[in-house]
Amino acid sequence: MLAQFDLSNREVLADRAYDTDAIRTLLREQNAIAVIPGKKNRRVKQPYDRSVYKERHLVECFFNKMKNYRRLATRYDKTASMFKAFLALISIRIWLK
Protein backbone atom coordinates (compact mmCIF):
# COMPACT_ATOMS: atom_id res chain seq x y z
CA MET A 1 0.00 0.00 0.00
CA LEU A 2 2.84 2.41 0.74
CA ALA A 3 4.37 1.67 -2.66
CA GLN A 4 1.70 3.87 -4.31
CA PHE A 5 3.03 7.08 -2.77
CA ASP A 6 6.21 8.97 -3.53
CA LEU A 7 7.95 9.00 -0.15
CA SER A 8 11.41 10.01 -1.28
CA ASN A 9 13.21 12.28 1.18
CA ARG A 10 10.25 12.35 3.59
CA GLU A 11 9.84 11.30 7.18
CA VAL A 12 7.25 8.64 7.90
CA LEU A 13 5.87 8.75 11.44
CA ALA A 14 4.36 5.56 12.79
CA ASP A 15 3.51 3.82 16.03
CA ARG A 16 5.45 0.94 17.57
CA ALA A 17 3.02 -1.51 16.01
CA TYR A 18 4.45 -0.68 12.58
CA ASP A 19 8.00 -1.57 13.60
CA THR A 20 8.47 -4.50 11.22
CA ASP A 21 11.40 -5.32 9.00
CA ALA A 22 9.11 -5.38 5.94
CA ILE A 23 7.89 -1.82 6.49
CA ARG A 24 11.37 -0.53 7.28
CA THR A 25 12.73 -2.19 4.13
CA LEU A 26 9.96 -0.68 2.00
CA LEU A 27 10.66 2.79 3.41
CA ARG A 28 14.38 2.37 2.87
CA GLU A 29 13.77 1.37 -0.77
CA GLN A 30 11.79 4.57 -1.30
CA ASN A 31 14.47 6.70 0.36
CA ALA A 32 12.14 7.66 3.19
CA ILE A 33 13.19 8.21 6.78
CA ALA A 34 11.41 5.89 9.21
CA VAL A 35 10.54 7.64 12.47
CA ILE A 36 9.26 4.54 14.22
CA PRO A 37 10.29 3.61 17.77
CA GLY A 38 11.34 0.00 18.15
CA LYS A 39 9.13 -2.60 19.74
CA LYS A 40 10.01 -3.62 23.27
CA ASN A 41 10.93 -7.14 22.19
CA ARG A 42 13.23 -6.10 19.30
CA ARG A 43 16.75 -7.32 19.94
CA VAL A 44 18.52 -4.65 17.87
CA LYS A 45 17.06 -1.23 18.59
CA GLN A 46 16.58 0.97 15.54
CA PRO A 47 17.46 4.67 15.92
CA TYR A 48 14.73 7.28 15.42
CA ASP A 49 14.37 11.02 15.90
CA ARG A 50 12.59 11.53 19.22
CA SER A 51 11.82 15.21 18.65
CA VAL A 52 10.05 14.48 15.36
CA TYR A 53 8.17 11.57 16.93
CA LYS A 54 6.80 13.90 19.62
CA GLU A 55 5.03 15.90 16.91
CA ARG A 56 2.98 12.79 16.11
CA HIS A 57 1.35 13.14 19.52
CA LEU A 58 0.21 16.67 18.67
CA VAL A 59 -1.48 15.43 15.51
CA GLU A 60 -3.25 12.64 17.40
CA CYS A 61 -4.48 15.11 20.03
CA PHE A 62 -5.81 17.37 17.30
CA PHE A 63 -7.83 14.54 15.75
CA ASN A 64 -9.13 13.60 19.20
CA LYS A 65 -10.38 17.16 19.70
CA MET A 66 -12.03 17.06 16.28
CA LYS A 67 -13.96 13.92 17.24
CA ASN A 68 -15.64 15.84 20.07
CA TYR A 69 -17.82 17.60 17.50
CA ARG A 70 -20.71 15.25 16.80
CA ARG A 71 -21.49 16.74 13.42
CA LEU A 72 -17.98 15.97 12.23
CA ALA A 73 -17.58 12.57 13.91
CA THR A 74 -20.85 11.19 12.54
CA ARG A 75 -20.38 12.69 9.08
CA TYR A 76 -23.68 14.55 9.39
CA ASP A 77 -23.10 16.68 6.28
CA LYS A 78 -24.25 15.08 3.05
CA THR A 79 -21.93 16.83 0.63
CA ALA A 80 -18.14 16.77 0.66
CA SER A 81 -17.94 20.55 0.32
CA MET A 82 -20.01 21.12 3.48
CA PHE A 83 -17.96 18.54 5.38
CA LYS A 84 -14.74 20.24 4.26
CA ALA A 85 -16.08 23.68 5.23
CA PHE A 86 -17.07 22.48 8.71
CA LEU A 87 -13.71 20.75 9.06
CA ALA A 88 -11.96 24.04 8.28
CA LEU A 89 -14.19 25.93 10.70
CA ILE A 90 -13.54 23.52 13.57
CA SER A 91 -9.81 23.49 12.78
CA ILE A 92 -9.70 27.26 13.09
CA ARG A 93 -11.68 27.17 16.32
CA ILE A 94 -9.36 24.59 17.87
CA TRP A 95 -6.31 26.53 16.71
CA LEU A 96 -7.60 29.75 18.31
CA LYS A 97 -8.27 28.16 21.71
PDB file of N, CA and C in Angstrom:
ATOM      1  N   MET A   1       0.816  -1.189   0.000  1.00  0.00           N
ATOM      2  CA  MET A   1       0.000   0.000   0.000  1.00  0.00           C
ATOM      3  C   MET A   1       0.865   1.260   0.000  1.00  0.00           C
ATOM      4  N   LEU A   2       1.967   1.246   0.720  1.00  0.00           N
ATOM      5  CA  LEU A   2       2.842   2.411   0.744  1.00  0.00           C
ATOM      6  C   LEU A   2       3.554   2.617  -0.580  1.00  0.00           C
ATOM      7  N   ALA A   3       3.643   1.576  -1.405  1.00  0.00           N
ATOM      8  CA  ALA A   3       4.366   1.672  -2.661  1.00  0.00           C
ATOM      9  C   ALA A   3       3.692   2.631  -3.641  1.00  0.00           C
ATOM     10  N   GLN A   4       2.437   2.986  -3.418  1.00  0.00           N
ATOM     11  CA  GLN A   4       1.704   3.868  -4.311  1.00  0.00           C
ATOM     12  C   GLN A   4       2.150   5.330  -4.174  1.00  0.00           C
ATOM     13  N   PHE A   5       2.693   5.692  -3.056  1.00  0.00           N
ATOM     14  CA  PHE A   5       3.026   7.079  -2.771  1.00  0.00           C
ATOM     15  C   PHE A   5       4.511   7.336  -3.004  1.00  0.00           C
ATOM     16  N   ASP A   6       4.824   8.558  -3.375  1.00  0.00           N
ATOM     17  CA  ASP A   6       6.211   8.966  -3.525  1.00  0.00           C
ATOM     18  C   ASP A   6       6.701   9.467  -2.175  1.00  0.00           C
ATOM     19  N   LEU A   7       7.488   8.665  -1.493  1.00  0.00           N
ATOM     20  CA  LEU A   7       7.950   9.003  -0.150  1.00  0.00           C
ATOM     21  C   LEU A   7       9.411   9.418  -0.116  1.00  0.00           C
ATOM     22  N   SER A   8       9.987   9.694  -1.256  1.00  0.00           N
ATOM     23  CA  SER A   8      11.411  10.007  -1.283  1.00  0.00           C
ATOM     24  C   SER A   8      11.711  11.282  -0.488  1.00  0.00           C
ATOM     25  N   ASN A   9      12.729  11.174   0.339  1.00  0.00           N
ATOM     26  CA  ASN A   9      13.207  12.276   1.181  1.00  0.00           C
ATOM     27  C   ASN A   9      12.133  12.813   2.117  1.00  0.00           C
ATOM     28  N   ARG A  10      11.283  11.950   2.619  1.00  0.00           N
ATOM     29  CA  ARG A  10      10.250  12.347   3.586  1.00  0.00           C
ATOM     30  C   ARG A  10      10.371  11.499   4.837  1.00  0.00           C
ATOM     31  N   GLU A  11       9.859  12.043   5.924  1.00  0.00           N
ATOM     32  CA  GLU A  11       9.840  11.302   7.179  1.00  0.00           C
ATOM     33  C   GLU A  11       8.474  10.644   7.329  1.00  0.00           C
ATOM     34  N   VAL A  12       8.487   9.388   7.698  1.00  0.00           N
ATOM     35  CA  VAL A  12       7.250   8.644   7.897  1.00  0.00           C
ATOM     36  C   VAL A  12       7.129   8.356   9.384  1.00  0.00           C
ATOM     37  N   LEU A  13       6.117   8.952  10.017  1.00  0.00           N
ATOM     38  CA  LEU A  13       5.874   8.749  11.444  1.00  0.00           C
ATOM     39  C   LEU A  13       4.914   7.588  11.622  1.00  0.00           C
ATOM     40  N   ALA A  14       5.235   6.695  12.545  1.00  0.00           N
ATOM     41  CA  ALA A  14       4.358   5.557  12.795  1.00  0.00           C
ATOM     42  C   ALA A  14       4.511   5.109  14.241  1.00  0.00           C
ATOM     43  N   ASP A  15       3.543   4.350  14.684  1.00  0.00           N
ATOM     44  CA  ASP A  15       3.513   3.819  16.035  1.00  0.00           C
ATOM     45  C   ASP A  15       4.419   2.590  16.139  1.00  0.00           C
ATOM     46  N   ARG A  16       4.637   2.126  17.349  1.00  0.00           N
ATOM     47  CA  ARG A  16       5.451   0.936  17.570  1.00  0.00           C
ATOM     48  C   ARG A  16       4.911  -0.294  16.843  1.00  0.00           C
ATOM     49  N   ALA A  17       3.629  -0.347  16.651  1.00  0.00           N
ATOM     50  CA  ALA A  17       3.018  -1.509  16.011  1.00  0.00           C
ATOM     51  C   ALA A  17       3.509  -1.689  14.573  1.00  0.00           C
ATOM     52  N   TYR A  18       3.973  -0.622  13.957  1.00  0.00           N
ATOM     53  CA  TYR A  18       4.450  -0.677  12.576  1.00  0.00           C
ATOM     54  C   TYR A  18       5.959  -0.903  12.490  1.00  0.00           C
ATOM     55  N   ASP A  19       6.569  -1.294  13.582  1.00  0.00           N
ATOM     56  CA  ASP A  19       7.995  -1.567  13.597  1.00  0.00           C
ATOM     57  C   ASP A  19       8.236  -3.003  13.122  1.00  0.00           C
ATOM     58  N   THR A  20       8.172  -3.192  11.812  1.00  0.00           N
ATOM     59  CA  THR A  20       8.475  -4.495  11.219  1.00  0.00           C
ATOM     60  C   THR A  20       9.580  -4.316  10.202  1.00  0.00           C
ATOM     61  N   ASP A  21      10.313  -5.381   9.972  1.00  0.00           N
ATOM     62  CA  ASP A  21      11.404  -5.315   8.999  1.00  0.00           C
ATOM     63  C   ASP A  21      10.875  -5.053   7.602  1.00  0.00           C
ATOM     64  N   ALA A  22       9.684  -5.575   7.273  1.00  0.00           N
ATOM     65  CA  ALA A  22       9.110  -5.380   5.942  1.00  0.00           C
ATOM     66  C   ALA A  22       8.802  -3.907   5.683  1.00  0.00           C
ATOM     67  N   ILE A  23       8.219  -3.231   6.659  1.00  0.00           N
ATOM     68  CA  ILE A  23       7.888  -1.820   6.495  1.00  0.00           C
ATOM     69  C   ILE A  23       9.156  -0.979   6.438  1.00  0.00           C
ATOM     70  N   ARG A  24      10.110  -1.281   7.290  1.00  0.00           N
ATOM     71  CA  ARG A  24      11.366  -0.527   7.276  1.00  0.00           C
ATOM     72  C   ARG A  24      12.118  -0.724   5.956  1.00  0.00           C
ATOM     73  N   THR A  25      12.084  -1.926   5.413  1.00  0.00           N
ATOM     74  CA  THR A  25      12.730  -2.186   4.126  1.00  0.00           C
ATOM     75  C   THR A  25      12.042  -1.415   3.011  1.00  0.00           C
ATOM     76  N   LEU A  26      10.716  -1.410   3.017  1.00  0.00           N
ATOM     77  CA  LEU A  26       9.958  -0.676   2.004  1.00  0.00           C
ATOM     78  C   LEU A  26      10.267   0.816   2.060  1.00  0.00           C
ATOM     79  N   LEU A  27      10.339   1.371   3.256  1.00  0.00           N
ATOM     80  CA  LEU A  27      10.658   2.789   3.407  1.00  0.00           C
ATOM     81  C   LEU A  27      12.088   3.080   2.968  1.00  0.00           C
ATOM     82  N   ARG A  28      12.993   2.186   3.280  1.00  0.00           N
ATOM     83  CA  ARG A  28      14.384   2.370   2.868  1.00  0.00           C
ATOM     84  C   ARG A  28      14.510   2.336   1.345  1.00  0.00           C
ATOM     85  N   GLU A  29      13.747   1.451   0.689  1.00  0.00           N
ATOM     86  CA  GLU A  29      13.774   1.366  -0.774  1.00  0.00           C
ATOM     87  C   GLU A  29      13.262   2.650  -1.424  1.00  0.00           C
ATOM     88  N   GLN A  30      12.342   3.329  -0.748  1.00  0.00           N
ATOM     89  CA  GLN A  30      11.785   4.568  -1.296  1.00  0.00           C
ATOM     90  C   GLN A  30      12.515   5.806  -0.791  1.00  0.00           C
ATOM     91  N   ASN A  31      13.650   5.603  -0.166  1.00  0.00           N
ATOM     92  CA  ASN A  31      14.474   6.698   0.358  1.00  0.00           C
ATOM     93  C   ASN A  31      13.716   7.565   1.356  1.00  0.00           C
ATOM     94  N   ALA A  32      12.869   6.945   2.150  1.00  0.00           N
ATOM     95  CA  ALA A  32      12.138   7.658   3.193  1.00  0.00           C
ATOM     96  C   ALA A  32      12.819   7.408   4.538  1.00  0.00           C
ATOM     97  N   ILE A  33      12.617   8.326   5.446  1.00  0.00           N
ATOM     98  CA  ILE A  33      13.191   8.212   6.784  1.00  0.00           C
ATOM     99  C   ILE A  33      12.117   7.669   7.717  1.00  0.00           C
ATOM    100  N   ALA A  34      12.369   6.521   8.299  1.00  0.00           N
ATOM    101  CA  ALA A  34      11.410   5.894   9.209  1.00  0.00           C
ATOM    102  C   ALA A  34      11.588   6.465  10.608  1.00  0.00           C
ATOM    103  N   VAL A  35      10.550   7.129  11.095  1.00  0.00           N
ATOM    104  CA  VAL A  35      10.544   7.641  12.470  1.00  0.00           C
ATOM    105  C   VAL A  35       9.579   6.746  13.245  1.00  0.00           C
ATOM    106  N   ILE A  36      10.075   5.562  13.558  1.00  0.00           N
ATOM    107  CA  ILE A  36       9.261   4.541  14.224  1.00  0.00           C
ATOM    108  C   ILE A  36      10.063   4.018  15.412  1.00  0.00           C
ATOM    109  N   PRO A  37       9.560   4.180  16.632  1.00  0.00           N
ATOM    110  CA  PRO A  37      10.287   3.613  17.768  1.00  0.00           C
ATOM    111  C   PRO A  37      10.231   2.090  17.708  1.00  0.00           C
ATOM    112  N   GLY A  38      11.277   1.454  18.188  1.00  0.00           N
ATOM    113  CA  GLY A  38      11.343  -0.005  18.151  1.00  0.00           C
ATOM    114  C   GLY A  38      10.404  -0.644  19.156  1.00  0.00           C
ATOM    115  N   LYS A  39       9.949  -1.834  18.800  1.00  0.00           N
ATOM    116  CA  LYS A  39       9.126  -2.600  19.738  1.00  0.00           C
ATOM    117  C   LYS A  39       9.974  -2.983  20.949  1.00  0.00           C
ATOM    118  N   LYS A  40       9.307  -3.274  22.036  1.00  0.00           N
ATOM    119  CA  LYS A  40      10.008  -3.624  23.274  1.00  0.00           C
ATOM    120  C   LYS A  40      10.799  -4.916  23.119  1.00  0.00           C
ATOM    121  N   ASN A  41      10.287  -5.846  22.301  1.00  0.00           N
ATOM    122  CA  ASN A  41      10.931  -7.145  22.187  1.00  0.00           C
ATOM    123  C   ASN A  41      11.956  -7.212  21.045  1.00  0.00           C
ATOM    124  N   ARG A  42      12.244  -6.115  20.383  1.00  0.00           N
ATOM    125  CA  ARG A  42      13.231  -6.102  19.296  1.00  0.00           C
ATOM    126  C   ARG A  42      14.633  -6.196  19.900  1.00  0.00           C
ATOM    127  N   ARG A  43      15.404  -7.126  19.391  1.00  0.00           N
ATOM    128  CA  ARG A  43      16.748  -7.321  19.941  1.00  0.00           C
ATOM    129  C   ARG A  43      17.686  -6.175  19.581  1.00  0.00           C
ATOM    130  N   VAL A  44      17.676  -5.756  18.309  1.00  0.00           N
ATOM    131  CA  VAL A  44      18.519  -4.651  17.867  1.00  0.00           C
ATOM    132  C   VAL A  44      17.638  -3.415  17.739  1.00  0.00           C
ATOM    133  N   LYS A  45      17.875  -2.447  18.598  1.00  0.00           N
ATOM    134  CA  LYS A  45      17.062  -1.231  18.594  1.00  0.00           C
ATOM    135  C   LYS A  45      17.413  -0.368  17.388  1.00  0.00           C
ATOM    136  N   GLN A  46      16.391   0.109  16.694  1.00  0.00           N
ATOM    137  CA  GLN A  46      16.585   0.968  15.536  1.00  0.00           C
ATOM    138  C   GLN A  46      16.563   2.432  15.998  1.00  0.00           C
ATOM    139  N   PRO A  47      17.467   3.256  15.510  1.00  0.00           N
ATOM    140  CA  PRO A  47      17.461   4.666  15.916  1.00  0.00           C
ATOM    141  C   PRO A  47      16.297   5.420  15.259  1.00  0.00           C
ATOM    142  N   TYR A  48      15.781   6.412  15.963  1.00  0.00           N
ATOM    143  CA  TYR A  48      14.733   7.277  15.424  1.00  0.00           C
ATOM    144  C   TYR A  48      14.840   8.647  16.080  1.00  0.00           C
ATOM    145  N   ASP A  49      14.304   9.653  15.421  1.00  0.00           N
ATOM    146  CA  ASP A  49      14.374  11.025  15.896  1.00  0.00           C
ATOM    147  C   ASP A  49      13.249  11.272  16.904  1.00  0.00           C
ATOM    148  N   ARG A  50      13.596  11.372  18.166  1.00  0.00           N
ATOM    149  CA  ARG A  50      12.592  11.532  19.222  1.00  0.00           C
ATOM    150  C   ARG A  50      11.824  12.849  19.113  1.00  0.00           C
ATOM    151  N   SER A  51      12.502  13.909  18.730  1.00  0.00           N
ATOM    152  CA  SER A  51      11.821  15.206  18.652  1.00  0.00           C
ATOM    153  C   SER A  51      10.771  15.222  17.542  1.00  0.00           C
ATOM    154  N   VAL A  52      11.041  14.559  16.434  1.00  0.00           N
ATOM    155  CA  VAL A  52      10.053  14.476  15.357  1.00  0.00           C
ATOM    156  C   VAL A  52       8.902  13.573  15.781  1.00  0.00           C
ATOM    157  N   TYR A  53       9.219  12.501  16.491  1.00  0.00           N
ATOM    158  CA  TYR A  53       8.174  11.573  16.926  1.00  0.00           C
ATOM    159  C   TYR A  53       7.206  12.235  17.910  1.00  0.00           C
ATOM    160  N   LYS A  54       7.675  13.193  18.684  1.00  0.00           N
ATOM    161  CA  LYS A  54       6.801  13.898  19.623  1.00  0.00           C
ATOM    162  C   LYS A  54       5.730  14.708  18.900  1.00  0.00           C
ATOM    163  N   GLU A  55       6.022  15.152  17.687  1.00  0.00           N
ATOM    164  CA  GLU A  55       5.031  15.901  16.914  1.00  0.00           C
ATOM    165  C   GLU A  55       3.840  15.024  16.532  1.00  0.00           C
ATOM    166  N   ARG A  56       4.058  13.726  16.420  1.00  0.00           N
ATOM    167  CA  ARG A  56       2.981  12.793  16.113  1.00  0.00           C
ATOM    168  C   ARG A  56       1.890  12.864  17.185  1.00  0.00           C
ATOM    169  N   HIS A  57       2.313  13.036  18.422  1.00  0.00           N
ATOM    170  CA  HIS A  57       1.355  13.141  19.525  1.00  0.00           C
ATOM    171  C   HIS A  57       0.446  14.362  19.354  1.00  0.00           C
ATOM    172  N   LEU A  58       1.001  15.459  18.885  1.00  0.00           N
ATOM    173  CA  LEU A  58       0.205  16.668  18.668  1.00  0.00           C
ATOM    174  C   LEU A  58      -0.868  16.440  17.602  1.00  0.00           C
ATOM    175  N   VAL A  59      -0.522  15.722  16.572  1.00  0.00           N
ATOM    176  CA  VAL A  59      -1.482  15.429  15.507  1.00  0.00           C
ATOM    177  C   VAL A  59      -2.598  14.533  16.040  1.00  0.00           C
ATOM    178  N   GLU A  60      -2.236  13.523  16.832  1.00  0.00           N
ATOM    179  CA  GLU A  60      -3.247  12.636  17.403  1.00  0.00           C
ATOM    180  C   GLU A  60      -4.176  13.392  18.344  1.00  0.00           C
ATOM    181  N   CYS A  61      -3.638  14.307  19.131  1.00  0.00           N
ATOM    182  CA  CYS A  61      -4.476  15.107  20.033  1.00  0.00           C
ATOM    183  C   CYS A  61      -5.428  15.996  19.246  1.00  0.00           C
ATOM    184  N   PHE A  62      -4.959  16.536  18.135  1.00  0.00           N
ATOM    185  CA  PHE A  62      -5.810  17.372  17.296  1.00  0.00           C
ATOM    186  C   PHE A  62      -6.998  16.569  16.765  1.00  0.00           C
ATOM    187  N   PHE A  63      -6.743  15.369  16.255  1.00  0.00           N
ATOM    188  CA  PHE A  63      -7.835  14.541  15.747  1.00  0.00           C
ATOM    189  C   PHE A  63      -8.790  14.133  16.865  1.00  0.00           C
ATOM    190  N   ASN A  64      -8.269  13.927  18.065  1.00  0.00           N
ATOM    191  CA  ASN A  64      -9.130  13.597  19.195  1.00  0.00           C
ATOM    192  C   ASN A  64     -10.056  14.766  19.527  1.00  0.00           C
ATOM    193  N   LYS A  65      -9.548  15.982  19.456  1.00  0.00           N
ATOM    194  CA  LYS A  65     -10.383  17.162  19.702  1.00  0.00           C
ATOM    195  C   LYS A  65     -11.439  17.317  18.618  1.00  0.00           C
ATOM    196  N   MET A  66     -11.081  16.959  17.388  1.00  0.00           N
ATOM    197  CA  MET A  66     -12.033  17.065  16.278  1.00  0.00           C
ATOM    198  C   MET A  66     -13.201  16.097  16.468  1.00  0.00           C
ATOM    199  N   LYS A  67     -12.922  14.938  17.046  1.00  0.00           N
ATOM    200  CA  LYS A  67     -13.962  13.923  17.239  1.00  0.00           C
ATOM    201  C   LYS A  67     -14.992  14.342  18.287  1.00  0.00           C
ATOM    202  N   ASN A  68     -14.686  15.374  19.077  1.00  0.00           N
ATOM    203  CA  ASN A  68     -15.645  15.842  20.071  1.00  0.00           C
ATOM    204  C   ASN A  68     -16.843  16.543  19.437  1.00  0.00           C
ATOM    205  N   TYR A  69     -16.722  16.942  18.199  1.00  0.00           N
ATOM    206  CA  TYR A  69     -17.819  17.596  17.496  1.00  0.00           C
ATOM    207  C   TYR A  69     -18.651  16.529  16.787  1.00  0.00           C
ATOM    208  N   ARG A  70     -19.855  16.323  17.284  1.00  0.00           N
ATOM    209  CA  ARG A  70     -20.705  15.245  16.799  1.00  0.00           C
ATOM    210  C   ARG A  70     -20.973  15.346  15.305  1.00  0.00           C
ATOM    211  N   ARG A  71     -21.178  16.545  14.839  1.00  0.00           N
ATOM    212  CA  ARG A  71     -21.485  16.745  13.424  1.00  0.00           C
ATOM    213  C   ARG A  71     -20.346  16.237  12.538  1.00  0.00           C
ATOM    214  N   LEU A  72     -19.134  16.420  12.992  1.00  0.00           N
ATOM    215  CA  LEU A  72     -17.977  15.970  12.233  1.00  0.00           C
ATOM    216  C   LEU A  72     -17.740  14.469  12.408  1.00  0.00           C
ATOM    217  N   ALA A  73     -17.870  13.978  13.626  1.00  0.00           N
ATOM    218  CA  ALA A  73     -17.582  12.572  13.913  1.00  0.00           C
ATOM    219  C   ALA A  73     -18.570  11.631  13.240  1.00  0.00           C
ATOM    220  N   THR A  74     -19.828  12.061  13.134  1.00  0.00           N
ATOM    221  CA  THR A  74     -20.846  11.186  12.541  1.00  0.00           C
ATOM    222  C   THR A  74     -21.066  11.447  11.065  1.00  0.00           C
ATOM    223  N   ARG A  75     -20.272  12.354  10.505  1.00  0.00           N
ATOM    224  CA  ARG A  75     -20.377  12.689   9.078  1.00  0.00           C
ATOM    225  C   ARG A  75     -21.810  13.104   8.743  1.00  0.00           C
ATOM    226  N   TYR A  76     -22.302  14.072   9.515  1.00  0.00           N
ATOM    227  CA  TYR A  76     -23.675  14.547   9.388  1.00  0.00           C
ATOM    228  C   TYR A  76     -23.926  15.237   8.054  1.00  0.00           C
ATOM    229  N   ASP A  77     -22.939  15.953   7.536  1.00  0.00           N
ATOM    230  CA  ASP A  77     -23.097  16.683   6.277  1.00  0.00           C
ATOM    231  C   ASP A  77     -23.168  15.703   5.106  1.00  0.00           C
ATOM    232  N   LYS A  78     -24.063  15.981   4.179  1.00  0.00           N
ATOM    233  CA  LYS A  78     -24.254  15.078   3.051  1.00  0.00           C
ATOM    234  C   LYS A  78     -23.278  15.318   1.908  1.00  0.00           C
ATOM    235  N   THR A  79     -22.833  16.540   1.741  1.00  0.00           N
ATOM    236  CA  THR A  79     -21.930  16.833   0.634  1.00  0.00           C
ATOM    237  C   THR A  79     -20.493  16.996   1.145  1.00  0.00           C
ATOM    238  N   ALA A  80     -19.556  16.679   0.290  1.00  0.00           N
ATOM    239  CA  ALA A  80     -18.143  16.774   0.664  1.00  0.00           C
ATOM    240  C   ALA A  80     -17.730  18.223   0.904  1.00  0.00           C
ATOM    241  N   SER A  81     -18.317  19.155   0.146  1.00  0.00           N
ATOM    242  CA  SER A  81     -17.937  20.552   0.321  1.00  0.00           C
ATOM    243  C   SER A  81     -18.381  21.094   1.690  1.00  0.00           C
ATOM    244  N   MET A  82     -19.549  20.685   2.160  1.00  0.00           N
ATOM    245  CA  MET A  82     -20.014  21.119   3.481  1.00  0.00           C
ATOM    246  C   MET A  82     -19.171  20.488   4.587  1.00  0.00           C
ATOM    247  N   PHE A  83     -18.813  19.224   4.403  1.00  0.00           N
ATOM    248  CA  PHE A  83     -17.960  18.544   5.378  1.00  0.00           C
ATOM    249  C   PHE A  83     -16.603  19.235   5.460  1.00  0.00           C
ATOM    250  N   LYS A  84     -16.042  19.569   4.311  1.00  0.00           N
ATOM    251  CA  LYS A  84     -14.744  20.245   4.259  1.00  0.00           C
ATOM    252  C   LYS A  84     -14.825  21.635   4.889  1.00  0.00           C
ATOM    253  N   ALA A  85     -15.909  22.342   4.652  1.00  0.00           N
ATOM    254  CA  ALA A  85     -16.077  23.676   5.231  1.00  0.00           C
ATOM    255  C   ALA A  85     -16.177  23.600   6.753  1.00  0.00           C
ATOM    256  N   PHE A  86     -16.945  22.630   7.260  1.00  0.00           N
ATOM    257  CA  PHE A  86     -17.068  22.484   8.710  1.00  0.00           C
ATOM    258  C   PHE A  86     -15.746  22.032   9.315  1.00  0.00           C
ATOM    259  N   LEU A  87     -15.022  21.192   8.605  1.00  0.00           N
ATOM    260  CA  LEU A  87     -13.709  20.754   9.058  1.00  0.00           C
ATOM    261  C   LEU A  87     -12.764  21.949   9.190  1.00  0.00           C
ATOM    262  N   ALA A  88     -12.795  22.839   8.223  1.00  0.00           N
ATOM    263  CA  ALA A  88     -11.961  24.039   8.278  1.00  0.00           C
ATOM    264  C   ALA A  88     -12.387  24.945   9.434  1.00  0.00           C
ATOM    265  N   LEU A  89     -13.683  25.085   9.628  1.00  0.00           N
ATOM    266  CA  LEU A  89     -14.195  25.929  10.704  1.00  0.00           C
ATOM    267  C   LEU A  89     -13.772  25.396  12.075  1.00  0.00           C
ATOM    268  N   ILE A  90     -13.915  24.115  12.284  1.00  0.00           N
ATOM    269  CA  ILE A  90     -13.536  23.518  13.567  1.00  0.00           C
ATOM    270  C   ILE A  90     -12.021  23.578  13.753  1.00  0.00           C
ATOM    271  N   SER A  91     -11.270  23.396  12.682  1.00  0.00           N
ATOM    272  CA  SER A  91      -9.810  23.489  12.781  1.00  0.00           C
ATOM    273  C   SER A  91      -9.385  24.874  13.236  1.00  0.00           C
ATOM    274  N   ILE A  92     -10.015  25.891  12.693  1.00  0.00           N
ATOM    275  CA  ILE A  92      -9.704  27.265  13.090  1.00  0.00           C
ATOM    276  C   ILE A  92     -10.082  27.496  14.550  1.00  0.00           C
ATOM    277  N   ARG A  93     -11.233  26.981  14.941  1.00  0.00           N
ATOM    278  CA  ARG A  93     -11.684  27.167  16.319  1.00  0.00           C
ATOM    279  C   ARG A  93     -10.736  26.487  17.312  1.00  0.00           C
ATOM    280  N   ILE A  94     -10.287  25.285  16.992  1.00  0.00           N
ATOM    281  CA  ILE A  94      -9.364  24.586  17.872  1.00  0.00           C
ATOM    282  C   ILE A  94      -8.023  25.319  17.922  1.00  0.00           C
ATOM    283  N   TRP A  95      -7.585  25.828  16.783  1.00  0.00           N
ATOM    284  CA  TRP A  95      -6.309  26.525  16.712  1.00  0.00           C
ATOM    285  C   TRP A  95      -6.332  27.811  17.541  1.00  0.00           C
ATOM    286  N   LEU A  96      -7.490  28.494  17.574  1.00  0.00           N
ATOM    287  CA  LEU A  96      -7.600  29.751  18.306  1.00  0.00           C
ATOM    288  C   LEU A  96      -7.735  29.563  19.806  1.00  0.00           C
ATOM    289  N   LYS A  97      -8.117  28.380  20.260  1.00  0.00           N
ATOM    290  CA  LYS A  97      -8.267  28.160  21.706  1.00  0.00           C
ATOM    291  C   LYS A  97      -6.944  28.160  22.411  1.00  0.00           C
TER     292      LYS A  97
END
